[in-house]
Amino acid sequence: MIKYQIEGGSLPVVICYPEAGQTLCTERGAMSWMSPNMKMETNTGGGLKKIFGRMFSGESIFMNEYTAMGGDGMIAFASSFPGSIIPYQVTPGNGIIVQKRGFLAMEKGLDLSVYLQKKLGSGFFGGEGFIMQRISGSGMVFIEIDGYCKEYELAAGESIIVDTGYVAAMSETCSMDIESVKGAKNIFFGGEGLFNTRITGPGKVYLQSMPVINTAMAISPYIDLKSDDNNSRGGINIRLGD
């Protein structure tokens, strides 16, 4: 098992300490700092099926592998958005399903593949999309969460109702479906939309308090994007008040 520690509070970084010969895999550009004895190698991480799967799930077609050479090493991976980093120990039959762009780093030997929603309704209206990521095999994976992470352990048949976009990850033993909001007043005046996501156990579900798309929508009214026709350079104006 890989040694690691997570620091940084709401701006987290996971610092890993691989032993000699141990390898960590990550998306291109995810490494933040490392010891000099970490050897980097870039590859596609598999055949065409895996390449296209990563493309559709929002990841790069290339992966970087970092191996500790000649002794113990150190390598750090920082989150790309304020939030949390969670470790998840993957074992055979106990994989994890992750939102697009949620994968941060993992031990070599794990398999990162595309996960397609089996039910059309979940893909169209659940807010998580048709395409998510599945990590399977045996080893440790680190997942990025937008904002604070709340974990629930669901028993077999137990469910939780989640608003659009707040599902960050779940055990592969869980299932996802959608259900409509009841009542005309709730639909038109409740401000919660037409549908919610239902996650049913058994397994763990990881919820995030600040989905990046919600954050972008919240600040978009205060940002003006303007282009300069004279020199073709863009600019950003931030409106602090009307």
C-alpha atoms as a PDB file:
ATOM      1  CA  MET A   1       0.000   0.000   0.000  1.00  0.00           C
ATOM      2  CA  ILE A   2       1.236   3.475  -0.889  1.00  0.00           C
ATOM      3  CA  LYS A   3       2.140   5.817   1.960  1.00  0.00           C
ATOM      4  CA  TYR A   4       0.534   9.268   1.754  1.00  0.00           C
ATOM      5  CA  GLN A   5      -0.720  12.302   3.654  1.00  0.00           C
ATOM      6  CA  ILE A   6      -3.330  14.889   2.668  1.00  0.00           C
ATOM      7  CA  GLU A   7      -2.732  18.506   3.666  1.00  0.00           C
ATOM      8  CA  GLY A   8      -3.981  21.988   2.813  1.00  0.00           C
ATOM      9  CA  GLY A   9      -7.531  22.132   4.145  1.00  0.00           C
ATOM     10  CA  SER A  10      -9.868  23.465   1.456  1.00  0.00           C
ATOM     11  CA  LEU A  11      -6.930  23.812  -0.989  1.00  0.00           C
ATOM     12  CA  PRO A  12      -5.722  20.242  -0.616  1.00  0.00           C
ATOM     13  CA  VAL A  13      -2.674  18.376  -1.836  1.00  0.00           C
ATOM     14  CA  VAL A  14      -1.914  14.678  -1.440  1.00  0.00           C
ATOM     15  CA  ILE A  15       1.771  13.930  -0.822  1.00  0.00           C
ATOM     16  CA  CYS A  16       2.713  10.343  -1.638  1.00  0.00           C
ATOM     17  CA  TYR A  17       5.832   8.458  -0.526  1.00  0.00           C
ATOM     18  CA  PRO A  18       6.352   5.523  -2.903  1.00  0.00           C
ATOM     19  CA  GLU A  19       8.924   2.905  -2.040  1.00  0.00           C
ATOM     20  CA  ALA A  20      11.629   1.976  -4.540  1.00  0.00           C
ATOM     21  CA  GLY A  21       9.977   0.576  -7.662  1.00  0.00           C
ATOM     22  CA  GLN A  22       6.461   1.748  -6.797  1.00  0.00           C
ATOM     23  CA  THR A  23       4.643   3.673  -9.538  1.00  0.00           C
ATOM     24  CA  LEU A  24       1.847   6.251  -9.442  1.00  0.00           C
ATOM     25  CA  CYS A  25      -0.258   7.172 -12.475  1.00  0.00           C
ATOM     26  CA  THR A  26      -1.917  10.525 -13.049  1.00  0.00           C
ATOM     27  CA  GLU A  27      -3.368  12.818 -15.656  1.00  0.00           C
ATOM     28  CA  ARG A  28      -1.051  15.050 -17.625  1.00  0.00           C
ATOM     29  CA  GLY A  29      -0.119  18.179 -15.662  1.00  0.00           C
ATOM     30  CA  ALA A  30      -1.367  16.922 -12.268  1.00  0.00           C
ATOM     31  CA  MET A  31       2.064  16.605 -10.620  1.00  0.00           C
ATOM     32  CA  SER A  32       2.876  19.535  -8.320  1.00  0.00           C
ATOM     33  CA  TRP A  33       6.327  18.685  -6.917  1.00  0.00           C
ATOM     34  CA  MET A  34       8.489  15.602  -6.434  1.00  0.00           C
ATOM     35  CA  SER A  35      11.867  14.277  -5.314  1.00  0.00           C
ATOM     36  CA  PRO A  36      14.669  14.041  -7.928  1.00  0.00           C
ATOM     37  CA  ASN A  37      14.585  10.228  -8.028  1.00  0.00           C
ATOM     38  CA  MET A  38      11.034  10.087  -9.430  1.00  0.00           C
ATOM     39  CA  LYS A  39      11.237   8.934 -13.051  1.00  0.00           C
ATOM     40  CA  MET A  40       8.453  10.148 -15.359  1.00  0.00           C
ATOM     41  CA  GLU A  41       7.132   8.249 -18.372  1.00  0.00           C
ATOM     42  CA  THR A  42       4.218   9.345 -20.565  1.00  0.00           C
ATOM     43  CA  ASN A  43       2.040   6.807 -22.381  1.00  0.00           C
ATOM     44  CA  THR A  44      -1.513   6.194 -23.522  1.00  0.00           C
ATOM     45  CA  GLY A  45      -2.224   3.751 -20.703  1.00  0.00           C
ATOM     46  CA  GLY A  46      -3.803   1.096 -22.931  1.00  0.00           C
ATOM     47  CA  GLY A  47      -5.395   0.486 -26.305  1.00  0.00           C
ATOM     48  CA  LEU A  48      -7.833   2.523 -28.382  1.00  0.00           C
ATOM     49  CA  LYS A  49     -10.802   1.549 -26.203  1.00  0.00           C
ATOM     50  CA  LYS A  50      -9.207   3.044 -23.098  1.00  0.00           C
ATOM     51  CA  ILE A  51      -7.995   6.120 -25.011  1.00  0.00           C
ATOM     52  CA  PHE A  52     -11.481   6.949 -26.308  1.00  0.00           C
ATOM     53  CA  GLY A  53     -12.984   6.135 -22.924  1.00  0.00           C
ATOM     54  CA  ARG A  54     -10.757   8.715 -21.215  1.00  0.00           C
ATOM     55  CA  MET A  55     -11.540  11.293 -23.901  1.00  0.00           C
ATOM     56  CA  PHE A  56     -15.295  10.872 -23.422  1.00  0.00           C
ATOM     57  CA  SER A  57     -14.968  11.031 -19.638  1.00  0.00           C
ATOM     58  CA  GLY A  58     -13.199  14.405 -19.791  1.00  0.00           C
ATOM     59  CA  GLU A  59      -9.620  13.217 -19.252  1.00  0.00           C
ATOM     60  CA  SER A  60      -6.494  13.463 -21.395  1.00  0.00           C
ATOM     61  CA  ILE A  61      -5.652  10.589 -23.753  1.00  0.00           C
ATOM     62  CA  PHE A  62      -2.179  10.464 -22.179  1.00  0.00           C
ATOM     63  CA  MET A  63      -1.222   9.407 -18.675  1.00  0.00           C
ATOM     64  CA  ASN A  64       1.989  10.047 -16.764  1.00  0.00           C
ATOM     65  CA  GLU A  65       3.672   7.361 -14.686  1.00  0.00           C
ATOM     66  CA  TYR A  66       6.070   8.309 -11.879  1.00  0.00           C
ATOM     67  CA  THR A  67       8.339   5.603 -10.461  1.00  0.00           C
ATOM     68  CA  ALA A  68      10.625   5.869  -7.430  1.00  0.00           C
ATOM     69  CA  MET A  69      14.127   4.884  -8.603  1.00  0.00           C
ATOM     70  CA  GLY A  70      16.942   3.675  -6.335  1.00  0.00           C
ATOM     71  CA  GLY A  71      15.113   4.320  -3.079  1.00  0.00           C
ATOM     72  CA  ASP A  72      12.012   5.844  -1.525  1.00  0.00           C
ATOM     73  CA  GLY A  73      10.563   8.852  -3.312  1.00  0.00           C
ATOM     74  CA  MET A  74       8.110  11.698  -2.784  1.00  0.00           C
ATOM     75  CA  ILE A  75       5.532  13.175  -5.155  1.00  0.00           C
ATOM     76  CA  ALA A  76       2.619  15.574  -4.622  1.00  0.00           C
ATOM     77  CA  PHE A  77      -0.643  16.066  -6.512  1.00  0.00           C
ATOM     78  CA  ALA A  78      -2.708  19.189  -5.821  1.00  0.00           C
ATOM     79  CA  SER A  79      -6.429  19.600  -6.375  1.00  0.00           C
ATOM     80  CA  SER A  80      -7.404  21.762  -9.364  1.00  0.00           C
ATOM     81  CA  PHE A  81     -10.360  23.366  -7.525  1.00  0.00           C
ATOM     82  CA  PRO A  82     -11.026  24.318  -3.881  1.00  0.00           C
ATOM     83  CA  GLY A  83     -12.416  21.288  -2.143  1.00  0.00           C
ATOM     84  CA  SER A  84     -11.294  17.893  -0.874  1.00  0.00           C
ATOM     85  CA  ILE A  85      -9.142  14.949  -1.855  1.00  0.00           C
ATOM     86  CA  ILE A  86     -10.384  11.548  -0.735  1.00  0.00           C
ATOM     87  CA  PRO A  87      -8.424   8.276  -0.738  1.00  0.00           C
ATOM     88  CA  TYR A  88     -10.261   5.126  -1.784  1.00  0.00           C
ATOM     89  CA  GLN A  89      -8.867   1.601  -1.447  1.00  0.00           C
ATOM     90  CA  VAL A  90     -10.013  -0.292  -4.542  1.00  0.00           C
ATOM     91  CA  THR A  91     -10.273  -4.078  -4.327  1.00  0.00           C
ATOM     92  CA  PRO A  92     -11.687  -6.633  -6.787  1.00  0.00           C
ATOM     93  CA  GLY A  93     -15.463  -6.184  -6.782  1.00  0.00           C
ATOM     94  CA  ASN A  94     -15.168  -2.935  -4.822  1.00  0.00           C
ATOM     95  CA  GLY A  95     -14.410  -0.349  -7.481  1.00  0.00           C
ATOM     96  CA  ILE A  96     -15.551   3.271  -7.518  1.00  0.00           C
ATOM     97  CA  ILE A  97     -17.584   5.355  -9.977  1.00  0.00           C
ATOM     98  CA  VAL A  98     -16.396   8.970 -10.210  1.00  0.00           C
ATOM     99  CA  GLN A  99     -17.703  12.141 -11.824  1.00  0.00           C
ATOM    100  CA  LYS A 100     -15.972  13.366 -14.984  1.00  0.00           C
ATOM    101  CA  ARG A 101     -12.571  14.950 -14.226  1.00  0.00           C
ATOM    102  CA  GLY A 102     -12.710  13.602 -10.669  1.00  0.00           C
ATOM    103  CA  PHE A 103      -9.718  11.273 -11.006  1.00  0.00           C
ATOM    104  CA  LEU A 104      -6.474  12.722  -9.575  1.00  0.00           C
ATOM    105  CA  ALA A 105      -3.915   9.911  -9.149  1.00  0.00           C
ATOM    106  CA  MET A 106      -3.713   6.161  -8.530  1.00  0.00           C
ATOM    107  CA  GLU A 107      -1.354   3.283  -7.972  1.00  0.00           C
ATOM    108  CA  LYS A 108      -0.198   1.515 -11.109  1.00  0.00           C
ATOM    109  CA  GLY A 109      -2.198  -1.632 -11.699  1.00  0.00           C
ATOM    110  CA  LEU A 110      -5.599  -0.007 -11.297  1.00  0.00           C
ATOM    111  CA  ASP A 111      -7.775   0.323 -14.386  1.00  0.00           C
ATOM    112  CA  LEU A 112      -9.372   3.659 -15.345  1.00  0.00           C
ATOM    113  CA  SER A 113     -12.236   3.207 -17.796  1.00  0.00           C
ATOM    114  CA  VAL A 114     -15.423   4.870 -18.956  1.00  0.00           C
ATOM    115  CA  TYR A 115     -18.694   4.181 -17.121  1.00  0.00           C
ATOM    116  CA  LEU A 116     -21.940   4.647 -19.063  1.00  0.00           C
ATOM    117  CA  GLN A 117     -25.242   5.258 -17.317  1.00  0.00           C
ATOM    118  CA  LYS A 118     -27.494   2.305 -18.071  1.00  0.00           C
ATOM    119  CA  LYS A 119     -30.714   4.272 -17.710  1.00  0.00           C
ATOM    120  CA  LEU A 120     -31.490   7.076 -20.168  1.00  0.00           C
ATOM    121  CA  GLY A 121     -33.276   9.143 -17.526  1.00  0.00           C
ATOM    122  CA  SER A 122     -30.242   9.181 -15.247  1.00  0.00           C
ATOM    123  CA  GLY A 123     -28.043  10.410 -18.057  1.00  0.00           C
ATOM    124  CA  PHE A 124     -30.404  13.101 -19.328  1.00  0.00           C
ATOM    125  CA  PHE A 125     -31.804  14.496 -16.096  1.00  0.00           C
ATOM    126  CA  GLY A 126     -29.658  13.305 -13.201  1.00  0.00           C
ATOM    127  CA  GLY A 127     -27.050  16.019 -13.655  1.00  0.00           C
ATOM    128  CA  GLU A 128     -24.115  13.569 -13.588  1.00  0.00           C
ATOM    129  CA  GLY A 129     -24.294  12.831 -17.337  1.00  0.00           C
ATOM    130  CA  PHE A 130     -24.168   9.596 -19.296  1.00  0.00           C
ATOM    131  CA  ILE A 131     -20.416   9.279 -18.951  1.00  0.00           C
ATOM    132  CA  MET A 132     -18.583   8.872 -15.667  1.00  0.00           C
ATOM    133  CA  GLN A 133     -15.333   7.112 -14.726  1.00  0.00           C
ATOM    134  CA  ARG A 134     -14.836   3.642 -13.277  1.00  0.00           C
ATOM    135  CA  ILE A 135     -11.684   2.728 -11.337  1.00  0.00           C
ATOM    136  CA  SER A 136     -11.278  -0.993 -10.715  1.00  0.00           C
ATOM    137  CA  GLY A 137      -8.589  -3.496  -9.767  1.00  0.00           C
ATOM    138  CA  SER A 138      -6.517  -3.414  -6.591  1.00  0.00           C
ATOM    139  CA  GLY A 139      -4.790  -0.357  -5.123  1.00  0.00           C
ATOM    140  CA  MET A 140      -5.246   3.194  -3.837  1.00  0.00           C
ATOM    141  CA  VAL A 141      -6.858   5.977  -5.875  1.00  0.00           C
ATOM    142  CA  PHE A 142      -7.194   9.667  -4.982  1.00  0.00           C
ATOM    143  CA  ILE A 143     -10.347  11.520  -6.036  1.00  0.00           C
ATOM    144  CA  GLU A 144     -10.973  15.282  -6.349  1.00  0.00           C
ATOM    145  CA  ILE A 145     -14.168  16.576  -4.695  1.00  0.00           C
ATOM    146  CA  ASP A 146     -15.637  20.048  -5.326  1.00  0.00           C
ATOM    147  CA  GLY A 147     -15.963  21.711  -1.917  1.00  0.00           C
ATOM    148  CA  TYR A 148     -16.596  19.767   1.296  1.00  0.00           C
ATOM    149  CA  CYS A 149     -17.023  16.004   0.992  1.00  0.00           C
ATOM    150  CA  LYS A 150     -19.766  14.200   2.920  1.00  0.00           C
ATOM    151  CA  GLU A 151     -19.661  10.406   2.936  1.00  0.00           C
ATOM    152  CA  TYR A 152     -22.628   8.092   3.518  1.00  0.00           C
ATOM    153  CA  GLU A 153     -22.628   4.310   3.873  1.00  0.00           C
ATOM    154  CA  LEU A 154     -25.835   2.949   2.356  1.00  0.00           C
ATOM    155  CA  ALA A 155     -27.216  -0.458   3.303  1.00  0.00           C
ATOM    156  CA  ALA A 156     -28.719  -2.740   0.676  1.00  0.00           C
ATOM    157  CA  GLY A 157     -31.899  -1.082  -0.603  1.00  0.00           C
ATOM    158  CA  GLU A 158     -31.253   2.153   1.329  1.00  0.00           C
ATOM    159  CA  SER A 159     -31.436   5.346  -0.763  1.00  0.00           C
ATOM    160  CA  ILE A 160     -30.528   9.008  -0.606  1.00  0.00           C
ATOM    161  CA  ILE A 161     -31.985  11.817  -2.745  1.00  0.00           C
ATOM    162  CA  VAL A 162     -29.428  14.265  -4.121  1.00  0.00           C
ATOM    163  CA  ASP A 163     -29.797  17.499  -6.073  1.00  0.00           C
ATOM    164  CA  THR A 164     -28.279  17.829  -9.535  1.00  0.00           C
ATOM    165  CA  GLY A 165     -24.482  17.813  -9.636  1.00  0.00           C
ATOM    166  CA  TYR A 166     -23.837  16.969  -5.990  1.00  0.00           C
ATOM    167  CA  VAL A 167     -22.898  13.313  -6.546  1.00  0.00           C
ATOM    168  CA  ALA A 168     -19.092  13.148  -6.721  1.00  0.00           C
ATOM    169  CA  ALA A 169     -18.502   9.399  -6.470  1.00  0.00           C
ATOM    170  CA  MET A 170     -20.081   6.143  -5.364  1.00  0.00           C
ATOM    171  CA  SER A 171     -19.181   2.502  -4.911  1.00  0.00           C
ATOM    172  CA  GLU A 172     -19.723   0.463  -8.051  1.00  0.00           C
ATOM    173  CA  THR A 173     -22.233  -1.609  -6.049  1.00  0.00           C
ATOM    174  CA  CYS A 174     -24.547   1.428  -5.825  1.00  0.00           C
ATOM    175  CA  SER A 175     -27.101   2.281  -8.485  1.00  0.00           C
ATOM    176  CA  MET A 176     -28.223   5.673  -9.772  1.00  0.00           C
ATOM    177  CA  ASP A 177     -31.666   6.722 -10.984  1.00  0.00           C
ATOM    178  CA  ILE A 178     -33.720   9.912 -11.254  1.00  0.00           C
ATOM    179  CA  GLU A 179     -37.097  10.884  -9.890  1.00  0.00           C
ATOM    180  CA  SER A 180     -39.286  13.894 -10.641  1.00  0.00           C
ATOM    181  CA  VAL A 181     -40.117  16.583  -8.107  1.00  0.00           C
ATOM    182  CA  LYS A 182     -43.716  16.221  -6.955  1.00  0.00           C
ATOM    183  CA  GLY A 183     -46.225  19.060  -7.057  1.00  0.00           C
ATOM    184  CA  ALA A 184     -46.688  21.964  -9.503  1.00  0.00           C
ATOM    185  CA  LYS A 185     -45.790  24.639  -6.930  1.00  0.00           C
ATOM    186  CA  ASN A 186     -42.623  22.787  -5.996  1.00  0.00           C
ATOM    187  CA  ILE A 187     -41.636  22.511  -9.651  1.00  0.00           C
ATOM    188  CA  PHE A 188     -42.326  26.114 -10.662  1.00  0.00           C
ATOM    189  CA  PHE A 189     -41.480  27.991  -7.459  1.00  0.00           C
ATOM    190  CA  GLY A 190     -39.228  25.679  -5.448  1.00  0.00           C
ATOM    191  CA  GLY A 191     -36.085  26.522  -7.426  1.00  0.00           C
ATOM    192  CA  GLU A 192     -34.828  22.908  -7.316  1.00  0.00           C
ATOM    193  CA  GLY A 193     -35.629  21.955 -10.908  1.00  0.00           C
ATOM    194  CA  LEU A 194     -37.698  19.077 -12.257  1.00  0.00           C
ATOM    195  CA  PHE A 195     -35.592  16.099 -11.200  1.00  0.00           C
ATOM    196  CA  ASN A 196     -33.423  14.772  -8.394  1.00  0.00           C
ATOM    197  CA  THR A 197     -30.924  11.910  -8.344  1.00  0.00           C
ATOM    198  CA  ARG A 198     -31.577   8.790  -6.259  1.00  0.00           C
ATOM    199  CA  ILE A 199     -28.583   6.711  -5.155  1.00  0.00           C
ATOM    200  CA  THR A 200     -29.396   3.253  -3.807  1.00  0.00           C
ATOM    201  CA  GLY A 201     -27.031   0.997  -1.865  1.00  0.00           C
ATOM    202  CA  PRO A 202     -25.302  -1.102  -0.849  1.00  0.00           C
ATOM    203  CA  GLY A 203     -22.112   0.938  -0.842  1.00  0.00           C
ATOM    204  CA  LYS A 204     -20.603   4.328  -0.156  1.00  0.00           C
ATOM    205  CA  VAL A 205     -21.659   7.596  -1.760  1.00  0.00           C
ATOM    206  CA  TYR A 206     -19.542  10.756  -1.719  1.00  0.00           C
ATOM    207  CA  LEU A 207     -21.389  14.082  -1.989  1.00  0.00           C
ATOM    208  CA  GLN A 208     -19.811  17.471  -2.718  1.00  0.00           C
ATOM    209  CA  SER A 209     -20.935  20.793  -1.308  1.00  0.00           C
ATOM    210  CA  MET A 210     -19.745  23.075  -4.128  1.00  0.00           C
ATOM    211  CA  PRO A 211     -20.119  21.587  -7.639  1.00  0.00           C
ATOM    212  CA  VAL A 212     -17.873  23.544  -9.982  1.00  0.00           C
ATOM    213  CA  ILE A 213     -20.699  24.160 -12.473  1.00  0.00           C
ATOM    214  CA  ASN A 214     -22.869  25.703  -9.722  1.00  0.00           C
ATOM    215  CA  THR A 215     -19.975  27.940  -8.698  1.00  0.00           C
ATOM    216  CA  ALA A 216     -19.432  29.076 -12.285  1.00  0.00           C
ATOM    217  CA  MET A 217     -23.125  29.899 -12.679  1.00  0.00           C
ATOM    218  CA  ALA A 218     -23.140  31.839  -9.399  1.00  0.00           C
ATOM    219  CA  ILE A 219     -20.273  34.151 -10.384  1.00  0.00           C
ATOM    220  CA  SER A 220     -21.059  34.470 -14.110  1.00  0.00           C
ATOM    221  CA  PRO A 221     -23.445  37.479 -13.647  1.00  0.00           C
ATOM    222  CA  TYR A 222     -20.532  39.442 -12.158  1.00  0.00           C
ATOM    223  CA  ILE A 223     -18.053  38.779 -14.963  1.00  0.00           C
ATOM    224  CA  ASP A 224     -18.007  40.479 -18.376  1.00  0.00           C
ATOM    225  CA  LEU A 225     -15.829  39.041 -21.106  1.00  0.00           C
ATOM    226  CA  LYS A 226     -14.854  41.754 -23.592  1.00  0.00           C
ATOM    227  CA  SER A 227     -12.640  41.595 -26.660  1.00  0.00           C
ATOM    228  CA  ASP A 228     -10.440  44.383 -27.948  1.00  0.00           C
ATOM    229  CA  ASP A 229     -11.076  44.706 -31.690  1.00  0.00           C
ATOM    230  CA  ASN A 230      -7.915  46.746 -32.156  1.00  0.00           C
ATOM    231  CA  ASN A 231      -5.393  44.226 -30.913  1.00  0.00           C
ATOM    232  CA  SER A 232      -7.552  41.012 -30.717  1.00  0.00           C
ATOM    233  CA  ARG A 233      -6.767  40.569 -27.030  1.00  0.00           C
ATOM    234  CA  GLY A 234      -9.525  39.674 -24.599  1.00  0.00           C
ATOM    235  CA  GLY A 235     -10.182  41.065 -21.173  1.00  0.00           C
ATOM    236  CA  ILE A 236     -12.242  40.352 -18.078  1.00  0.00           C
ATOM    237  CA  ASN A 237     -14.219  42.967 -16.224  1.00  0.00           C
ATOM    238  CA  ILE A 238     -15.533  42.084 -12.788  1.00  0.00           C
ATOM    239  CA  ARG A 239     -18.688  43.937 -11.727  1.00  0.00           C
ATOM    240  CA  LEU A 240     -18.761  44.513  -7.988  1.00  0.00           C
ATOM    241  CA  GLY A 241     -22.152  46.197  -7.999  1.00  0.00           C
ATOM    242  CA  ASP A 242     -24.754  47.886 -10.169  1.00  0.00           C
END
